PDB file of N, CA and C in Angstrom:
ATOM      1  N   UNK A   1      21.619  41.653 -10.675  1.00  0.00           N
ATOM      2  CA  UNK A   1      20.313  41.090 -10.939  1.00  0.00           C
ATOM      3  C   UNK A   1      20.355  40.212 -12.195  1.00  0.00           C
ATOM      4  N   UNK A   2      21.073  40.699 -13.218  1.00  0.00           N
ATOM      5  CA  UNK A   2      21.194  39.912 -14.446  1.00  0.00           C
ATOM      6  C   UNK A   2      21.934  38.600 -14.180  1.00  0.00           C
ATOM      7  N   UNK A   3      22.919  38.665 -13.323  1.00  0.00           N
ATOM      8  CA  UNK A   3      23.695  37.479 -13.010  1.00  0.00           C
ATOM      9  C   UNK A   3      22.806  36.413 -12.363  1.00  0.00           C
ATOM     10  N   UNK A   4      21.918  36.837 -11.494  1.00  0.00           N
ATOM     11  CA  UNK A   4      21.000  35.897 -10.833  1.00  0.00           C
ATOM     12  C   UNK A   4      20.076  35.251 -11.866  1.00  0.00           C
ATOM     13  N   UNK A   5      19.554  36.046 -12.794  1.00  0.00           N
ATOM     14  CA  UNK A   5      18.684  35.506 -13.825  1.00  0.00           C
ATOM     15  C   UNK A   5      19.423  34.532 -14.734  1.00  0.00           C
ATOM     16  N   UNK A   6      20.650  34.875 -15.086  1.00  0.00           N
ATOM     17  CA  UNK A   6      21.449  34.006 -15.954  1.00  0.00           C
ATOM     18  C   UNK A   6      21.754  32.694 -15.234  1.00  0.00           C
ATOM     19  N   UNK A   7      22.137  32.775 -13.967  1.00  0.00           N
ATOM     20  CA  UNK A   7      22.431  31.566 -13.203  1.00  0.00           C
ATOM     21  C   UNK A   7      21.174  30.707 -13.022  1.00  0.00           C
ATOM     22  N   UNK A   8      20.070  31.338 -12.769  1.00  0.00           N
ATOM     23  CA  UNK A   8      18.812  30.597 -12.609  1.00  0.00           C
ATOM     24  C   UNK A   8      18.442  29.889 -13.899  1.00  0.00           C
ATOM     25  N   UNK A   9      18.589  30.579 -15.011  1.00  0.00           N
ATOM     26  CA  UNK A   9      18.308  29.967 -16.314  1.00  0.00           C
ATOM     27  C   UNK A   9      19.251  28.816 -16.611  1.00  0.00           C
ATOM     28  N   UNK A  10      20.511  28.985 -16.290  1.00  0.00           N
ATOM     29  CA  UNK A  10      21.496  27.932 -16.536  1.00  0.00           C
ATOM     30  C   UNK A  10      21.204  26.707 -15.671  1.00  0.00           C
ATOM     31  N   UNK A  11      20.837  26.921 -14.438  1.00  0.00           N
ATOM     32  CA  UNK A  11      20.496  25.807 -13.546  1.00  0.00           C
ATOM     33  C   UNK A  11      19.243  25.088 -14.039  1.00  0.00           C
ATOM     34  N   UNK A  12      18.262  25.860 -14.491  1.00  0.00           N
ATOM     35  CA  UNK A  12      17.041  25.253 -15.002  1.00  0.00           C
ATOM     36  C   UNK A  12      17.322  24.416 -16.244  1.00  0.00           C
ATOM     37  N   UNK A  13      18.149  24.935 -17.148  1.00  0.00           N
ATOM     38  CA  UNK A  13      18.510  24.167 -18.337  1.00  0.00           C
ATOM     39  C   UNK A  13      19.312  22.919 -17.991  1.00  0.00           C
ATOM     40  N   UNK A  14      20.200  23.042 -17.029  1.00  0.00           N
ATOM     41  CA  UNK A  14      20.990  21.878 -16.611  1.00  0.00           C
ATOM     42  C   UNK A  14      20.092  20.822 -15.988  1.00  0.00           C
ATOM     43  N   UNK A  15      19.111  21.246 -15.246  1.00  0.00           N
ATOM     44  CA  UNK A  15      18.194  20.298 -14.613  1.00  0.00           C
ATOM     45  C   UNK A  15      17.360  19.586 -15.675  1.00  0.00           C
ATOM     46  N   UNK A  16      16.921  20.311 -16.674  1.00  0.00           N
ATOM     47  CA  UNK A  16      16.135  19.699 -17.746  1.00  0.00           C
ATOM     48  C   UNK A  16      16.993  18.777 -18.598  1.00  0.00           C
ATOM     49  N   UNK A  17      18.231  19.154 -18.821  1.00  0.00           N
ATOM     50  CA  UNK A  17      19.114  18.346 -19.651  1.00  0.00           C
ATOM     51  C   UNK A  17      19.450  17.028 -18.961  1.00  0.00           C
ATOM     52  N   UNK A  18      19.577  17.006 -17.661  1.00  0.00           N
ATOM     53  CA  UNK A  18      19.919  15.775 -16.959  1.00  0.00           C
ATOM     54  C   UNK A  18      18.700  14.872 -16.770  1.00  0.00           C
ATOM     55  N   UNK A  19      17.498  15.335 -17.074  1.00  0.00           N
ATOM     56  CA  UNK A  19      16.287  14.527 -16.944  1.00  0.00           C
ATOM     57  C   UNK A  19      16.326  13.309 -17.851  1.00  0.00           C
ATOM     58  N   UNK A  20      16.890  13.431 -19.042  1.00  0.00           N
ATOM     59  CA  UNK A  20      16.887  12.305 -19.977  1.00  0.00           C
ATOM     60  C   UNK A  20      17.658  11.121 -19.412  1.00  0.00           C
ATOM     61  N   UNK A  21      18.778  11.352 -18.764  1.00  0.00           N
ATOM     62  CA  UNK A  21      19.511  10.249 -18.154  1.00  0.00           C
ATOM     63  C   UNK A  21      18.782   9.750 -16.917  1.00  0.00           C
ATOM     64  N   UNK A  22      18.049  10.623 -16.224  1.00  0.00           N
ATOM     65  CA  UNK A  22      17.266  10.205 -15.074  1.00  0.00           C
ATOM     66  C   UNK A  22      16.087   9.343 -15.510  1.00  0.00           C
ATOM     67  N   UNK A  23      15.536   9.619 -16.693  1.00  0.00           N
ATOM     68  CA  UNK A  23      14.422   8.821 -17.187  1.00  0.00           C
ATOM     69  C   UNK A  23      14.861   7.383 -17.436  1.00  0.00           C
ATOM     70  N   UNK A  24      16.051   7.210 -17.962  1.00  0.00           N
ATOM     71  CA  UNK A  24      16.567   5.858 -18.171  1.00  0.00           C
ATOM     72  C   UNK A  24      16.745   5.146 -16.839  1.00  0.00           C
ATOM     73  N   UNK A  25      17.256   5.855 -15.870  1.00  0.00           N
ATOM     74  CA  UNK A  25      17.449   5.266 -14.547  1.00  0.00           C
ATOM     75  C   UNK A  25      16.103   4.974 -13.897  1.00  0.00           C
ATOM     76  N   UNK A  26      15.131   5.847 -14.115  1.00  0.00           N
ATOM     77  CA  UNK A  26      13.803   5.641 -13.544  1.00  0.00           C
ATOM     78  C   UNK A  26      13.115   4.444 -14.181  1.00  0.00           C
ATOM     79  N   UNK A  27      13.384   4.190 -15.439  1.00  0.00           N
ATOM     80  CA  UNK A  27      12.793   3.033 -16.109  1.00  0.00           C
ATOM     81  C   UNK A  27      13.360   1.743 -15.546  1.00  0.00           C
ATOM     82  N   UNK A  28      14.617   1.759 -15.144  1.00  0.00           N
ATOM     83  CA  UNK A  28      15.240   0.579 -14.567  1.00  0.00           C
ATOM     84  C   UNK A  28      14.870   0.405 -13.094  1.00  0.00           C
ATOM     85  N   UNK A  29      14.485   1.463 -12.424  1.00  0.00           N
ATOM     86  CA  UNK A  29      14.225   1.418 -10.989  1.00  0.00           C
ATOM     87  C   UNK A  29      13.088   0.468 -10.604  1.00  0.00           C
ATOM     88  N   UNK A  30      11.942   0.434 -11.297  1.00  0.00           N
ATOM     89  CA  UNK A  30      10.890  -0.485 -10.873  1.00  0.00           C
ATOM     90  C   UNK A  30      11.316  -1.948 -10.916  1.00  0.00           C
ATOM     91  N   UNK A  31      12.103  -2.326 -11.911  1.00  0.00           N
ATOM     92  CA  UNK A  31      12.566  -3.705 -11.991  1.00  0.00           C
ATOM     93  C   UNK A  31      13.493  -4.021 -10.823  1.00  0.00           C
ATOM     94  N   UNK A  32      14.342  -3.094 -10.477  1.00  0.00           N
ATOM     95  CA  UNK A  32      15.247  -3.299  -9.357  1.00  0.00           C
ATOM     96  C   UNK A  32      14.495  -3.285  -8.039  1.00  0.00           C
ATOM     97  N   UNK A  33      13.460  -2.460  -7.941  1.00  0.00           N
ATOM     98  CA  UNK A  33      12.693  -2.377  -6.706  1.00  0.00           C
ATOM     99  C   UNK A  33      11.938  -3.673  -6.442  1.00  0.00           C
ATOM    100  N   UNK A  34      11.476  -4.334  -7.490  1.00  0.00           N
ATOM    101  CA  UNK A  34      10.761  -5.588  -7.310  1.00  0.00           C
ATOM    102  C   UNK A  34      11.717  -6.688  -6.890  1.00  0.00           C
ATOM    103  N   UNK A  35      12.936  -6.663  -7.369  1.00  0.00           N
ATOM    104  CA  UNK A  35      13.896  -7.707  -7.056  1.00  0.00           C
ATOM    105  C   UNK A  35      14.465  -7.534  -5.651  1.00  0.00           C
ATOM    106  N   UNK A  36      14.642  -6.308  -5.212  1.00  0.00           N
ATOM    107  CA  UNK A  36      15.240  -6.054  -3.912  1.00  0.00           C
ATOM    108  C   UNK A  36      14.181  -6.146  -2.815  1.00  0.00           C
ATOM    109  N   UNK A  37      14.537  -6.684  -1.650  1.00  0.00           N
ATOM    110  CA  UNK A  37      13.576  -6.734  -0.545  1.00  0.00           C
ATOM    111  C   UNK A  37      13.323  -5.330  -0.009  1.00  0.00           C
ATOM    112  N   UNK A  38      12.184  -5.150   0.620  1.00  0.00           N
ATOM    113  CA  UNK A  38      11.818  -3.845   1.158  1.00  0.00           C
ATOM    114  C   UNK A  38      12.776  -3.461   2.275  1.00  0.00           C
ATOM    115  N   UNK A  39      13.066  -2.189   2.361  1.00  0.00           N
ATOM    116  CA  UNK A  39      13.951  -1.712   3.408  1.00  0.00           C
ATOM    117  C   UNK A  39      13.190  -1.631   4.721  1.00  0.00           C
ATOM    118  N   UNK A  40      13.886  -1.879   5.809  1.00  0.00           N
ATOM    119  CA  UNK A  40      13.298  -1.757   7.133  1.00  0.00           C
ATOM    120  C   UNK A  40      13.092  -0.273   7.437  1.00  0.00           C
ATOM    121  N   UNK A  41      11.941   0.033   8.005  1.00  0.00           N
ATOM    122  CA  UNK A  41      11.666   1.402   8.408  1.00  0.00           C
ATOM    123  C   UNK A  41      11.222   1.403   9.861  1.00  0.00           C
ATOM    124  N   UNK A  42      11.106   2.582  10.428  1.00  0.00           N
ATOM    125  CA  UNK A  42      10.644   2.683  11.810  1.00  0.00           C
ATOM    126  C   UNK A  42       9.164   2.365  11.919  1.00  0.00           C
ATOM    127  N   UNK A  43       8.461   2.325  10.790  1.00  0.00           N
ATOM    128  CA  UNK A  43       7.032   2.060  10.806  1.00  0.00           C
ATOM    129  C   UNK A  43       6.697   0.578  10.672  1.00  0.00           C
ATOM    130  N   UNK A  44       7.687  -0.274  10.453  1.00  0.00           N
ATOM    131  CA  UNK A  44       7.427  -1.698  10.267  1.00  0.00           C
ATOM    132  C   UNK A  44       6.652  -2.330  11.416  1.00  0.00           C
ATOM    133  N   UNK A  45       7.026  -2.103  12.677  1.00  0.00           N
ATOM    134  CA  UNK A  45       6.238  -2.708  13.764  1.00  0.00           C
ATOM    135  C   UNK A  45       4.777  -2.247  13.772  1.00  0.00           C
ATOM    136  N   UNK A  46       4.563  -0.981  13.461  1.00  0.00           N
ATOM    137  CA  UNK A  46       3.195  -0.473  13.436  1.00  0.00           C
ATOM    138  C   UNK A  46       2.413  -1.067  12.272  1.00  0.00           C
ATOM    139  N   UNK A  47       3.070  -1.202  11.132  1.00  0.00           N
ATOM    140  CA  UNK A  47       2.405  -1.791   9.970  1.00  0.00           C
ATOM    141  C   UNK A  47       2.090  -3.261  10.212  1.00  0.00           C
ATOM    142  N   UNK A  48       2.991  -3.965  10.893  1.00  0.00           N
ATOM    143  CA  UNK A  48       2.726  -5.359  11.223  1.00  0.00           C
ATOM    144  C   UNK A  48       1.564  -5.469  12.198  1.00  0.00           C
ATOM    145  N   UNK A  49       1.512  -4.583  13.179  1.00  0.00           N
ATOM    146  CA  UNK A  49       0.406  -4.583  14.135  1.00  0.00           C
ATOM    147  C   UNK A  49      -0.911  -4.278  13.427  1.00  0.00           C
ATOM    148  N   UNK A  50      -0.884  -3.354  12.487  1.00  0.00           N
ATOM    149  CA  UNK A  50      -2.086  -3.018  11.728  1.00  0.00           C
ATOM    150  C   UNK A  50      -2.554  -4.209  10.900  1.00  0.00           C
ATOM    151  N   UNK A  51      -1.624  -4.902  10.251  1.00  0.00           N
ATOM    152  CA  UNK A  51      -1.979  -6.071   9.456  1.00  0.00           C
ATOM    153  C   UNK A  51      -2.540  -7.174  10.342  1.00  0.00           C
ATOM    154  N   UNK A  52      -1.953  -7.350  11.511  1.00  0.00           N
ATOM    155  CA  UNK A  52      -2.452  -8.358  12.444  1.00  0.00           C
ATOM    156  C   UNK A  52      -3.873  -8.017  12.892  1.00  0.00           C
ATOM    157  N   UNK A  53      -4.123  -6.753  13.155  1.00  0.00           N
ATOM    158  CA  UNK A  53      -5.468  -6.327  13.552  1.00  0.00           C
ATOM    159  C   UNK A  53      -6.467  -6.557  12.422  1.00  0.00           C
ATOM    160  N   UNK A  54      -6.066  -6.310  11.188  1.00  0.00           N
ATOM    161  CA  UNK A  54      -6.948  -6.559  10.049  1.00  0.00           C
ATOM    162  C   UNK A  54      -7.243  -8.049   9.915  1.00  0.00           C
ATOM    163  N   UNK A  55      -6.228  -8.891  10.131  1.00  0.00           N
ATOM    164  CA  UNK A  55      -6.428 -10.334  10.052  1.00  0.00           C
ATOM    165  C   UNK A  55      -7.365 -10.815  11.153  1.00  0.00           C
ATOM    166  N   UNK A  56      -7.210 -10.271  12.356  1.00  0.00           N
ATOM    167  CA  UNK A  56      -8.108 -10.634  13.459  1.00  0.00           C
ATOM    168  C   UNK A  56      -9.531 -10.214  13.133  1.00  0.00           C
ATOM    169  N   UNK A  57      -9.697  -9.026  12.577  1.00  0.00           N
ATOM    170  CA  UNK A  57     -11.038  -8.555  12.224  1.00  0.00           C
ATOM    171  C   UNK A  57     -11.672  -9.459  11.172  1.00  0.00           C
ATOM    172  N   UNK A  58     -10.876  -9.917  10.202  1.00  0.00           N
ATOM    173  CA  UNK A  58     -11.399 -10.838   9.194  1.00  0.00           C
ATOM    174  C   UNK A  58     -11.859 -12.135   9.843  1.00  0.00           C
ATOM    175  N   UNK A  59     -11.072 -12.653  10.790  1.00  0.00           N
ATOM    176  CA  UNK A  59     -11.440 -13.885  11.485  1.00  0.00           C
ATOM    177  C   UNK A  59     -12.729 -13.686  12.284  1.00  0.00           C
ATOM    178  N   UNK A  60     -12.869 -12.547  12.923  1.00  0.00           N
ATOM    179  CA  UNK A  60     -14.084 -12.246  13.680  1.00  0.00           C
ATOM    180  C   UNK A  60     -15.276 -12.159  12.738  1.00  0.00           C
ATOM    181  N   UNK A  61     -15.103 -11.529  11.587  1.00  0.00           N
ATOM    182  CA  UNK A  61     -16.192 -11.409  10.618  1.00  0.00           C
ATOM    183  C   UNK A  61     -16.625 -12.774  10.105  1.00  0.00           C
ATOM    184  N   UNK A  62     -15.675 -13.656   9.844  1.00  0.00           N
ATOM    185  CA  UNK A  62     -16.002 -15.004   9.375  1.00  0.00           C
ATOM    186  C   UNK A  62     -16.756 -15.763  10.465  1.00  0.00           C
ATOM    187  N   UNK A  63     -16.283 -15.661  11.695  1.00  0.00           N
ATOM    188  CA  UNK A  63     -16.968 -16.320  12.808  1.00  0.00           C
ATOM    189  C   UNK A  63     -18.371 -15.775  13.004  1.00  0.00           C
ATOM    190  N   UNK A  64     -18.513 -14.474  12.864  1.00  0.00           N
ATOM    191  CA  UNK A  64     -19.829 -13.844  12.999  1.00  0.00           C
ATOM    192  C   UNK A  64     -20.770 -14.321  11.897  1.00  0.00           C
ATOM    193  N   UNK A  65     -20.261 -14.413  10.684  1.00  0.00           N
ATOM    194  CA  UNK A  65     -21.091 -14.890   9.576  1.00  0.00           C
ATOM    195  C   UNK A  65     -21.515 -16.341   9.810  1.00  0.00           C
ATOM    196  N   UNK A  66     -20.610 -17.164  10.323  1.00  0.00           N
ATOM    197  CA  UNK A  66     -20.953 -18.552  10.618  1.00  0.00           C
ATOM    198  C   UNK A  66     -22.010 -18.635  11.719  1.00  0.00           C
ATOM    199  N   UNK A  67     -21.880 -17.795  12.751  1.00  0.00           N
ATOM    200  CA  UNK A  67     -22.869 -17.783  13.830  1.00  0.00           C
ATOM    201  C   UNK A  67     -24.234 -17.342  13.321  1.00  0.00           C
ATOM    202  N   UNK A  68     -24.263 -16.316  12.495  1.00  0.00           N
ATOM    203  CA  UNK A  68     -25.545 -15.858  11.948  1.00  0.00           C
ATOM    204  C   UNK A  68     -26.200 -16.935  11.092  1.00  0.00           C
ATOM    205  N   UNK A  69     -25.386 -17.637  10.315  1.00  0.00           N
ATOM    206  CA  UNK A  69     -25.922 -18.706   9.471  1.00  0.00           C
ATOM    207  C   UNK A  69     -26.486 -19.827  10.339  1.00  0.00           C
ATOM    208  N   UNK A  70     -25.770 -20.170  11.406  1.00  0.00           N
ATOM    209  CA  UNK A  70     -26.249 -21.220  12.305  1.00  0.00           C
ATOM    210  C   UNK A  70     -27.549 -20.806  12.979  1.00  0.00           C
ATOM    211  N   UNK A  71     -27.638 -19.553  13.379  1.00  0.00           N
ATOM    212  CA  UNK A  71     -28.873 -19.061  14.012  1.00  0.00           C
ATOM    213  C   UNK A  71     -30.026 -19.080  13.015  1.00  0.00           C
ATOM    214  N   UNK A  72     -29.761 -18.620  11.786  1.00  0.00           N
ATOM    215  CA  UNK A  72     -30.809 -18.627  10.761  1.00  0.00           C
ATOM    216  C   UNK A  72     -31.273 -20.050  10.462  1.00  0.00           C
ATOM    217  N   UNK A  73     -30.345 -20.978  10.388  1.00  0.00           N
ATOM    218  CA  UNK A  73     -30.696 -22.377  10.124  1.00  0.00           C
ATOM    219  C   UNK A  73     -31.530 -22.941  11.281  1.00  0.00           C
ATOM    220  N   UNK A  74     -31.160 -22.604  12.510  1.00  0.00           N
ATOM    221  CA  UNK A  74     -31.900 -23.082  13.682  1.00  0.00           C
ATOM    222  C   UNK A  74     -33.309 -22.492  13.703  1.00  0.00           C
ATOM    223  N   UNK A  75     -33.452 -21.238  13.340  1.00  0.00           N
ATOM    224  CA  UNK A  75     -34.773 -20.603  13.311  1.00  0.00           C
ATOM    225  C   UNK A  75     -35.646 -21.226  12.222  1.00  0.00           C
ATOM    226  N   UNK A  76     -35.061 -21.574  11.077  1.00  0.00           N
ATOM    227  CA  UNK A  76     -35.830 -22.217  10.007  1.00  0.00           C
ATOM    228  C   UNK A  76     -36.317 -23.585  10.448  1.00  0.00           C
ATOM    229  N   UNK A  77     -35.480 -24.319  11.167  1.00  0.00           N
ATOM    230  CA  UNK A  77     -35.864 -25.648  11.656  1.00  0.00           C
ATOM    231  C   UNK A  77     -37.010 -25.540  12.669  1.00  0.00           C
ATOM    232  N   UNK A  78     -36.972 -24.518  13.528  1.00  0.00           N
ATOM    233  CA  UNK A  78     -38.028 -24.339  14.527  1.00  0.00           C
ATOM    234  C   UNK A  78     -39.334 -23.935  13.884  1.00  0.00           C
ATOM    235  N   UNK A  79     -39.290 -23.095  12.865  1.00  0.00           N
ATOM    236  CA  UNK A  79     -40.506 -22.604  12.215  1.00  0.00           C
ATOM    237  C   UNK A  79     -41.165 -23.712  11.380  1.00  0.00           C
ATOM    238  N   UNK A  80     -40.408 -24.563  10.775  1.00  0.00           N
ATOM    239  CA  UNK A  80     -40.947 -25.587   9.899  1.00  0.00           C
ATOM    240  C   UNK A  80     -41.544 -26.776  10.640  1.00  0.00           C
ATOM    241  N   UNK A  81     -41.235 -26.956  11.897  1.00  0.00           N
ATOM    242  CA  UNK A  81     -41.692 -28.128  12.633  1.00  0.00           C
ATOM    243  C   UNK A  81     -43.084 -28.016  13.204  1.00  0.00           C
ATOM    244  N   UNK A  82     -43.728 -26.891  13.190  1.00  0.00           N
ATOM    245  CA  UNK A  82     -44.938 -26.663  13.934  1.00  0.00           C
ATOM    246  C   UNK A  82     -46.190 -26.756  13.285  1.00  0.00           C
TER     247      UNK A  82
END
């Protein structure tokens, strides 16, 4: 039982001691991540489809806003003429 506790303590100390070198590597990682292109994943096609759907929805919203504006303008013209 003592051996397990000693080994657990030693592993915990070793893990904490190696954190300082990991912190240096972690500080360099964001700069490297920005420079490197994103890795391909199995979710890329789904993410592209989702982005395409969002773009289509934006186009529909813009068209809808234009139609509403045209209708409002037409109604104002009809009301003012009488």
